[in-house]
Protein backbone atom coordinates (compact mmCIF):
# COMPACT_ATOMS: atom_id res chain seq x y z
CA MET A 1 90.36 64.60 90.62
CA TYR A 2 87.15 64.65 91.56
CA ASN A 3 84.67 64.86 88.91
CA TYR A 4 83.29 67.38 88.44
CA HIS A 5 79.95 68.70 86.32
CA ALA A 6 79.60 72.34 85.64
CA PHE A 7 80.72 75.31 86.14
CA LEU A 8 79.20 78.27 88.39
CA ILE A 9 80.82 81.76 87.00
CA LYS A 10 80.53 84.75 88.98
CA TYR A 11 80.65 88.31 87.81
CA ALA A 12 81.84 91.63 89.30
CA GLU A 13 81.50 94.42 87.66
CA ILE A 14 77.94 93.47 85.36
CA GLY A 15 76.77 93.25 88.29
CA VAL A 16 76.40 96.93 88.94
CA LYS A 17 74.91 97.61 85.87
CA GLY A 18 71.26 98.76 85.41
CA LYS A 19 68.50 97.91 82.72
CA ASN A 20 70.94 96.92 80.27
CA LYS A 21 73.11 94.39 82.22
CA TYR A 22 71.86 91.33 80.03
CA LEU A 23 73.58 92.84 76.97
CA PHE A 24 77.37 92.44 79.44
CA GLU A 25 75.91 89.42 80.26
CA ASP A 26 74.81 87.67 76.93
CA ALA A 27 78.45 89.26 75.89
CA LEU A 28 80.41 87.44 78.33
CA VAL A 29 78.06 84.38 77.69
CA GLY A 30 79.37 84.55 73.82
CA GLN A 31 83.17 84.85 74.93
CA VAL A 32 82.93 82.27 77.56
CA GLU A 33 81.56 80.09 74.18
CA ASN A 34 84.16 81.05 72.44
CA ALA A 35 87.25 80.34 74.85
CA LEU A 36 85.76 76.84 75.14
CA ARG A 37 85.58 75.88 71.71
CA PRO A 38 88.68 74.21 71.17
CA VAL A 39 89.06 72.93 74.52
CA GLU A 40 88.47 69.12 74.42
CA GLY A 41 84.28 68.33 75.69
CA ASN A 42 80.65 68.80 75.12
CA PHE A 43 79.80 72.64 76.85
CA ARG A 44 76.59 74.48 77.27
CA VAL A 45 76.69 78.14 78.33
CA PHE A 46 73.85 79.49 80.12
CA LYS A 47 72.87 82.82 82.42
CA GLN A 48 70.52 82.76 85.23
CA PRO A 49 70.14 86.21 87.43
CA GLY A 50 73.15 86.68 89.09
CA ARG A 51 75.42 83.84 87.46
CA VAL A 52 76.85 82.43 83.94
CA PHE A 53 77.13 78.03 84.14
CA VAL A 54 78.92 76.06 82.03
CA GLU A 55 76.99 72.69 82.07
CA THR A 56 79.43 69.76 80.64
CA LYS A 57 78.29 66.53 79.17
CA GLY A 58 80.70 63.25 79.43
CA ASN A 59 84.17 63.90 79.86
CA PHE A 60 85.78 67.04 78.95
CA ASP A 61 89.52 68.65 79.84
CA TYR A 62 88.38 69.85 83.01
CA ASP A 63 91.95 71.62 82.99
CA GLY A 64 92.19 73.18 79.54
CA ALA A 65 88.32 73.96 80.38
CA VAL A 66 89.85 76.03 83.68
CA GLU A 67 92.75 77.97 81.97
CA ALA A 68 90.19 78.87 79.49
CA LEU A 69 87.73 80.32 81.51
CA LYS A 70 90.92 81.97 83.23
CA ARG A 71 91.41 84.20 80.49
CA VAL A 72 88.02 85.49 80.39
CA PHE A 73 87.26 88.76 80.81
CA GLY A 74 84.12 89.77 82.68
CA ILE A 75 84.82 86.78 85.21
CA GLU A 76 85.87 87.29 88.76
CA TYR A 77 85.50 83.52 89.72
CA ILE A 78 84.86 79.91 88.45
CA CYS A 79 83.73 77.93 90.21
CA PRO A 80 83.65 73.97 89.63
CA VAL A 81 80.38 72.67 90.92
CA PHE A 82 78.22 69.30 91.79
CA ILE A 83 74.69 69.71 90.38
CA VAL A 84 71.61 67.91 92.33
CA PRO A 85 69.23 67.33 90.07
CA SER A 86 66.30 68.16 93.05
CA LEU A 87 65.22 71.15 95.24
CA ASP A 88 64.71 68.41 97.97
CA LEU A 89 66.17 70.29 100.84
CA ALA A 90 67.24 66.76 102.84
CA VAL A 91 68.77 65.15 99.01
CA LEU A 92 70.42 69.18 98.32
CA LYS A 93 72.03 69.04 102.47
CA GLU A 94 73.65 65.14 101.93
CA GLY A 95 74.63 66.45 98.37
CA VAL A 96 77.07 68.69 100.39
CA VAL A 97 78.04 66.39 102.37
CA ASP A 98 78.72 63.92 99.78
CA HIS A 99 80.85 66.65 98.24
CA ILE A 100 83.15 67.24 100.93
CA GLY A 101 83.67 63.83 101.63
CA GLU A 102 84.98 63.41 97.55
CA ALA A 103 86.51 65.80 97.03
CA TYR A 104 88.32 66.57 100.45
CA PRO A 105 89.00 62.56 101.35
CA GLU A 106 92.13 62.99 103.66
CA GLU A 107 91.93 66.70 104.44
CA HIS A 108 91.67 68.48 107.66
CA PHE A 109 90.94 72.22 107.22
CA THR A 110 88.37 74.64 109.22
CA PHE A 111 84.86 75.87 106.96
CA LYS A 112 81.92 77.98 107.10
CA VAL A 113 79.09 76.93 104.84
CA MET A 114 77.25 79.68 103.05
CA VAL A 115 73.99 79.02 101.21
CA LYS A 116 72.00 81.23 98.70
CA ARG A 117 68.32 80.35 97.49
CA ALA A 118 66.70 81.99 94.19
CA ASN A 119 63.37 80.10 95.40
CA LYS A 120 62.17 81.86 98.75
CA ASP A 121 59.62 79.26 99.17
CA LEU A 122 61.28 76.55 100.93
CA PRO A 123 60.65 75.71 104.10
CA GLN A 124 63.75 76.70 105.68
CA THR A 125 65.45 80.28 105.87
CA SER A 126 69.57 80.29 104.08
CA PRO A 127 71.08 80.37 107.11
CA GLU A 128 69.28 77.58 108.86
CA ILE A 129 69.75 75.72 106.09
CA ALA A 130 74.01 76.47 107.00
CA ALA A 131 73.60 75.35 110.31
CA ASP A 132 72.04 72.29 108.94
CA ILE A 133 74.47 71.71 106.98
CA GLY A 134 77.42 72.17 108.77
CA GLY A 135 75.84 69.60 111.56
CA MET A 136 75.67 66.94 109.16
CA LEU A 137 79.28 68.42 108.05
CA LEU A 138 80.65 67.70 111.89
CA ASP A 139 78.44 64.51 112.32
CA LYS A 140 80.54 62.70 109.62
CA TYR A 141 83.96 64.60 109.44
CA GLY A 142 84.85 66.08 113.19
CA ASP A 143 87.79 63.94 113.22
CA ARG A 144 89.15 66.85 110.50
CA LEU A 145 86.45 69.41 109.93
CA THR A 146 86.26 72.35 111.96
CA VAL A 147 83.66 75.40 111.96
CA ASP A 148 85.08 78.59 111.63
CA VAL A 149 82.55 81.41 111.23
CA HIS A 150 85.46 83.82 110.53
CA LYS A 151 88.56 83.01 108.66
CA PRO A 152 87.85 79.14 107.75
CA ASP A 153 90.14 77.59 105.56
CA LYS A 154 87.06 76.71 103.13
CA PHE A 155 83.47 78.09 102.47
CA VAL A 156 81.20 75.30 101.47
CA TYR A 157 78.58 76.74 99.17
CA LEU A 158 74.87 75.80 98.07
CA GLU A 159 73.07 77.77 95.42
CA ILE A 160 69.24 76.54 95.23
CA ARG A 161 67.74 77.38 92.19
CA ASP A 162 65.91 75.61 89.78
CA ARG A 163 68.34 72.69 91.32
CA GLY A 164 71.66 72.47 93.89
CA TYR A 165 74.56 73.93 93.16
CA ILE A 166 77.14 72.79 94.97
CA TYR A 167 80.78 74.22 94.87
CA SER A 168 83.74 74.83 97.58
CA GLU A 169 86.72 76.00 95.21
CA GLN A 170 86.58 79.62 93.34
CA ILE A 171 89.21 79.90 91.11
CA LYS A 172 90.15 83.80 90.47
CA GLY A 173 89.73 85.00 86.96
CA ALA A 174 90.53 87.58 85.03
CA CYS A 175 88.04 90.45 86.03
CA GLY A 176 86.88 93.75 84.31
CA MET A 177 84.74 93.91 81.46
CA PRO A 178 83.46 91.26 78.10
CA VAL A 179 85.16 92.05 75.51
CA GLY A 180 83.59 93.84 72.94
CA THR A 181 81.26 96.02 74.95
CA ALA A 182 82.78 99.00 75.42
CA GLY A 183 83.13 99.89 71.36
CA LYS A 184 86.97 99.02 69.61
CA ALA A 185 90.48 100.56 69.19
CA MET A 186 93.71 100.27 67.01
CA CYS A 187 96.82 99.67 68.94
CA CYS A 188 100.21 100.27 67.66
CA LEU A 189 101.59 96.77 68.03
CA SER A 190 105.42 96.57 68.52
CA GLY A 191 107.87 94.04 68.94
CA GLY A 192 108.66 95.15 72.55
CA ILE A 193 107.24 94.31 74.83
CA ASP A 194 104.77 97.21 76.00
CA SER A 195 102.20 97.33 73.38
CA PRO A 196 101.08 93.88 73.66
CA VAL A 197 100.30 94.59 77.40
CA ALA A 198 98.36 97.46 76.29
CA ALA A 199 96.32 95.71 74.10
CA VAL A 200 95.09 93.03 76.23
CA MET A 201 94.88 95.64 79.06
CA MET A 202 92.26 98.31 76.77
CA ALA A 203 90.74 94.19 76.21
CA LYS A 204 90.01 93.58 80.07
CA ARG A 205 87.79 96.70 79.74
CA GLY A 206 86.02 95.48 77.34
CA VAL A 207 87.60 97.11 73.80
CA LYS A 208 87.69 95.21 70.77
CA VAL A 209 91.42 95.67 69.65
CA GLU A 210 92.14 96.03 66.00
CA ALA A 211 96.41 95.90 65.51
CA VAL A 212 98.82 98.46 63.08
CA TYR A 213 102.80 97.01 62.81
CA PHE A 214 105.17 99.22 60.48
CA HIS A 215 107.89 97.24 59.51
CA ALA A 216 110.72 98.40 57.36
CA PRO A 217 112.25 96.15 55.46
CA PRO A 218 114.88 94.93 54.52
CA TYR A 219 116.24 97.04 58.00
CA THR A 220 114.34 94.56 59.64
CA SER A 221 114.04 91.53 59.11
CA ASP A 222 110.70 88.94 58.49
CA ARG A 223 111.84 87.04 62.50
CA ALA A 224 110.65 90.55 63.52
CA LYS A 225 107.52 90.61 61.20
CA GLN A 226 106.67 87.00 62.24
CA LYS A 227 107.51 87.78 65.73
CA VAL A 228 104.89 90.54 66.01
CA ILE A 229 102.55 87.94 64.56
CA ASP A 230 103.24 85.61 67.56
CA LEU A 231 102.57 88.84 69.53
CA ALA A 232 99.36 89.21 68.09
CA LYS A 233 97.91 85.98 68.75
CA ILE A 234 99.81 85.02 71.97
CA SER A 235 97.81 88.44 73.10
CA ALA A 236 94.39 87.06 71.17
CA ARG A 237 93.98 84.37 73.84
CA TYR A 238 92.75 87.25 75.65
CA THR A 239 91.19 90.10 73.60
CA GLY A 240 89.31 87.63 70.90
CA PRO A 241 90.60 87.57 67.24
CA ILE A 242 93.20 90.65 66.80
CA LYS A 243 93.38 91.96 62.45
CA LEU A 244 96.65 93.19 62.24
CA HIS A 245 97.57 95.90 59.61
CA ILE A 246 101.22 95.28 58.80
CA VAL A 247 102.35 98.58 57.11
CA ASN A 248 105.32 99.03 54.60
CA PHE A 249 107.10 101.99 56.81
CA THR A 250 110.74 102.10 54.78
CA ASP A 251 110.34 105.09 52.17
CA ILE A 252 108.55 106.86 54.82
CA GLN A 253 111.64 106.70 57.18
CA LEU A 254 114.55 107.39 55.12
CA ALA A 255 112.85 110.26 53.87
CA ILE A 256 112.62 111.28 57.50
CA TYR A 257 116.17 110.10 58.42
CA GLU A 258 117.42 111.60 54.62
CA LYS A 259 116.07 115.28 55.59
CA CYS A 260 115.04 116.05 59.04
CA PRO A 261 117.14 116.82 62.25
CA HIS A 262 118.63 113.41 63.86
CA ASP A 263 117.46 113.83 67.00
CA GLU A 264 113.76 114.66 65.83
CA LEU A 265 113.75 111.40 64.41
CA THR A 266 111.61 109.19 66.75
CA ILE A 267 109.31 112.32 67.41
CA ILE A 268 108.39 112.65 63.48
CA MET A 269 108.79 109.29 62.63
CA ARG A 270 105.45 108.74 65.20
CA ARG A 271 103.58 110.99 64.31
CA TYR A 272 103.82 109.79 61.06
CA MET A 273 102.99 106.02 62.69
CA MET A 274 99.94 107.65 63.78
CA LYS A 275 98.63 109.55 60.99
CA ILE A 276 98.21 106.33 59.46
CA ALA A 277 97.23 104.31 62.29
CA GLU A 278 94.20 106.72 62.55
CA HIS A 279 93.26 106.13 58.85
CA PHE A 280 92.84 102.15 59.26
CA ALA A 281 91.59 103.13 63.02
CA LYS A 282 88.82 105.58 60.83
CA LYS A 283 88.26 103.10 58.35
CA ASP A 284 87.22 100.46 60.62
CA ASP A 285 85.07 102.65 63.06
CA CYS A 286 87.80 101.91 65.99
CA LEU A 287 87.20 105.11 68.37
CA GLY A 288 90.18 106.18 69.49
CA LEU A 289 94.36 104.47 69.18
CA VAL A 290 96.29 102.86 71.98
CA THR A 291 99.90 102.60 72.06
CA GLY A 292 102.42 101.12 75.13
CA GLU A 293 103.43 104.66 75.88
CA SER A 294 104.98 105.12 79.98
CA ILE A 295 105.50 108.50 80.66
CA GLY A 296 109.13 109.26 80.27
CA GLN A 297 110.15 105.12 80.80
CA VAL A 298 112.41 106.68 77.04
CA ALA A 299 112.83 110.39 75.14
CA SER A 300 109.22 110.23 73.01
CA GLN A 301 107.49 109.18 75.95
CA THR A 302 108.11 112.59 77.89
CA MET A 303 105.11 114.78 77.88
CA TYR A 304 106.42 117.17 76.18
CA SER A 305 106.84 114.28 73.24
CA LEU A 306 103.59 112.88 73.94
CA ASN A 307 102.17 116.05 73.30
CA THR A 308 103.35 116.62 70.04
CA THR A 309 102.43 113.36 69.21
CA ASN A 310 98.82 113.53 70.26
CA ALA A 311 98.94 116.85 67.80
CA VAL A 312 98.48 114.89 64.84
CA CYS A 313 95.86 112.97 65.63
CA THR A 314 92.05 113.68 65.71
CA LEU A 315 91.07 110.18 67.03
CA PRO A 316 91.72 110.37 71.28
CA VAL A 317 94.98 108.14 72.11
CA TYR A 318 94.35 105.97 74.97
CA ARG A 319 97.60 104.56 76.85
CA PRO A 320 96.58 102.62 79.19
CA LEU A 321 100.22 101.87 80.54
CA ILE A 322 101.20 105.38 81.21
CA ALA A 323 101.59 105.76 84.96
CA PHE A 324 103.24 102.20 85.02
CA ASP A 325 107.21 101.20 85.82
CA LYS A 326 108.90 98.99 83.58
CA GLN A 327 108.72 96.21 86.08
CA ASP A 328 105.01 96.71 86.42
CA ILE A 329 104.78 96.03 82.51
CA ILE A 330 106.99 92.96 82.17
CA ASP A 331 105.25 91.47 85.21
CA ILE A 332 101.62 91.65 83.59
CA SER A 333 103.45 90.41 80.39
CA GLN A 334 104.59 87.41 81.84
CA LYS A 335 101.00 87.17 83.20
CA ILE A 336 99.99 86.93 80.07
CA GLY A 337 102.37 84.99 78.06
CA THR A 338 104.07 87.67 75.74
CA PHE A 339 107.27 88.28 77.51
CA GLU A 340 109.33 85.76 76.40
CA THR A 341 108.74 86.64 72.62
CA SER A 342 108.50 90.22 73.46
CA ILE A 343 112.36 89.90 74.16
CA LEU A 344 113.48 88.16 71.23
CA PRO A 345 116.55 89.57 69.20
CA PHE A 346 114.78 90.98 66.35
CA GLU A 347 114.74 94.73 65.98
CA ASP A 348 111.66 96.67 64.86
CA CYS A 349 111.85 100.02 62.94
CA CYS A 350 111.91 102.27 65.88
CA THR A 351 114.90 100.36 67.22
CA ILE A 352 117.35 100.51 63.71
CA PHE A 353 116.75 104.59 63.59
CA VAL A 354 116.60 105.64 66.76
CA ALA A 355 118.55 108.52 67.19
CA LYS A 356 121.76 108.82 69.43
CA HIS A 357 120.88 112.11 71.47
CA PRO A 358 116.88 112.59 70.47
CA VAL A 359 115.03 115.62 72.15
CA THR A 360 113.29 114.70 74.86
CA LYS A 361 111.05 118.42 75.11
CA PRO A 362 110.25 118.79 71.42
CA THR A 363 107.66 121.83 70.62
CA LEU A 364 104.82 121.06 67.79
CA GLU A 365 106.22 124.36 66.09
CA ARG A 366 109.46 122.85 66.12
CA ILE A 367 108.60 119.67 65.01
CA GLU A 368 106.11 121.30 62.46
CA LYS A 369 109.03 123.74 61.23
CA SER A 370 111.25 120.29 60.48
CA GLU A 371 108.85 118.60 58.88
CA ARG A 372 107.76 121.47 56.01
CA LYS A 373 111.70 120.33 54.87
CA LEU A 374 110.04 116.76 53.80
CA GLY A 375 107.91 118.41 51.28
CA ASP A 376 104.37 116.88 50.14
CA MET A 377 104.44 113.29 51.62
CA THR A 378 101.34 111.79 49.96
CA GLU A 379 102.31 110.10 47.93
CA LEU A 380 104.80 108.09 50.14
CA VAL A 381 102.05 108.00 53.08
CA ASN A 382 99.40 106.28 50.17
CA THR A 383 101.71 103.94 49.01
CA ALA A 384 101.89 102.78 52.39
CA ILE A 385 98.71 102.61 52.88
CA ASP A 386 97.34 101.09 49.70
CA THR A 387 100.34 97.86 50.09
CA VAL A 388 99.31 97.30 53.35
CA GLU A 389 99.54 93.11 54.40
CA ILE A 390 96.48 91.98 56.87
CA VAL A 391 96.73 89.28 58.79
CA ASP A 392 94.36 87.85 60.87
CA CYS A 393 95.47 86.65 64.04
CA GLU A 394 93.39 84.03 65.61
CA PRO A 395 94.27 82.88 69.19
CA MET A 396 97.83 80.98 69.97
CA GLU A 397 97.27 77.32 71.11
């Protein structure tokens, strides 16, 4: 593989920010540094106007670095670059020609040269420099390269800043916004397909994610709990470290099962889950709750059911998958690497206590009437809160 010196990071949405753009750039620099920390190599991350750069010293794990950068939200393109430490135009032009020769020693393709100058004091304009480079490429490699300014196979880029940055490959990044720039939210994480995707989708919009999982021993096994921990660790590759709250929900579930109508079990159970999740969310200064619900996917996710569940919360409930088809969610879960773990056959507490014929059009009045049969649940709820297990889930290698 051709030995690149650095990566040029292009961002999209950050570029339209106003006077506080530097805050988003600084956050992106921090996220890139975090992502590269476990990768073999010596990296220096810094920013220049409109760009973030990753410089390397000595040997480094190129493939590992690219994979790590592809999981950083806020990056639109990752461009492996060859650096020419000179502002002499003759040297820069020759550098581009040499780069193409070394990076593509035998390939046949059409190309277009693109030049961007941060330094406007140079004796030639960007189009003039591009035309000269194009002519030099044709002179040297004209037997296999052809100019196509409309739909080229490759763009050949030269950015002239404090020195020359040459590149011809743009690797698609994860886009979105840097994690942590949009506040923090508490995600209700189950062992299913949907909730890890919801957590990652919120992270893509810059939200720092914590999580809560409701465990029901002995009805759910330790393998079910480990499955959720593993899902949090896989999701953390994108979201950053996740603080996972594991709540023992058994006694609350049994009380609901014994005293409430069975067709309302799931709705009432979810309302208590949301109450407890909101407690931890407020304690950790989260600005909302996150679930993996999608309208109509199951009985507890009809508009009627979601409205009844929402009524128990004072914080906003964010549902990033609300209009997604199941296949859309599966596709994302496969892309982020959670799918194979999500389908492991270890059932969560929602699955164990599901009713055969759950209500699909619950009303708040009806559900609250059924909940009054439970009596005072304060002690059970407080016990579940007080016995919470906290697991700090670092990104899985």
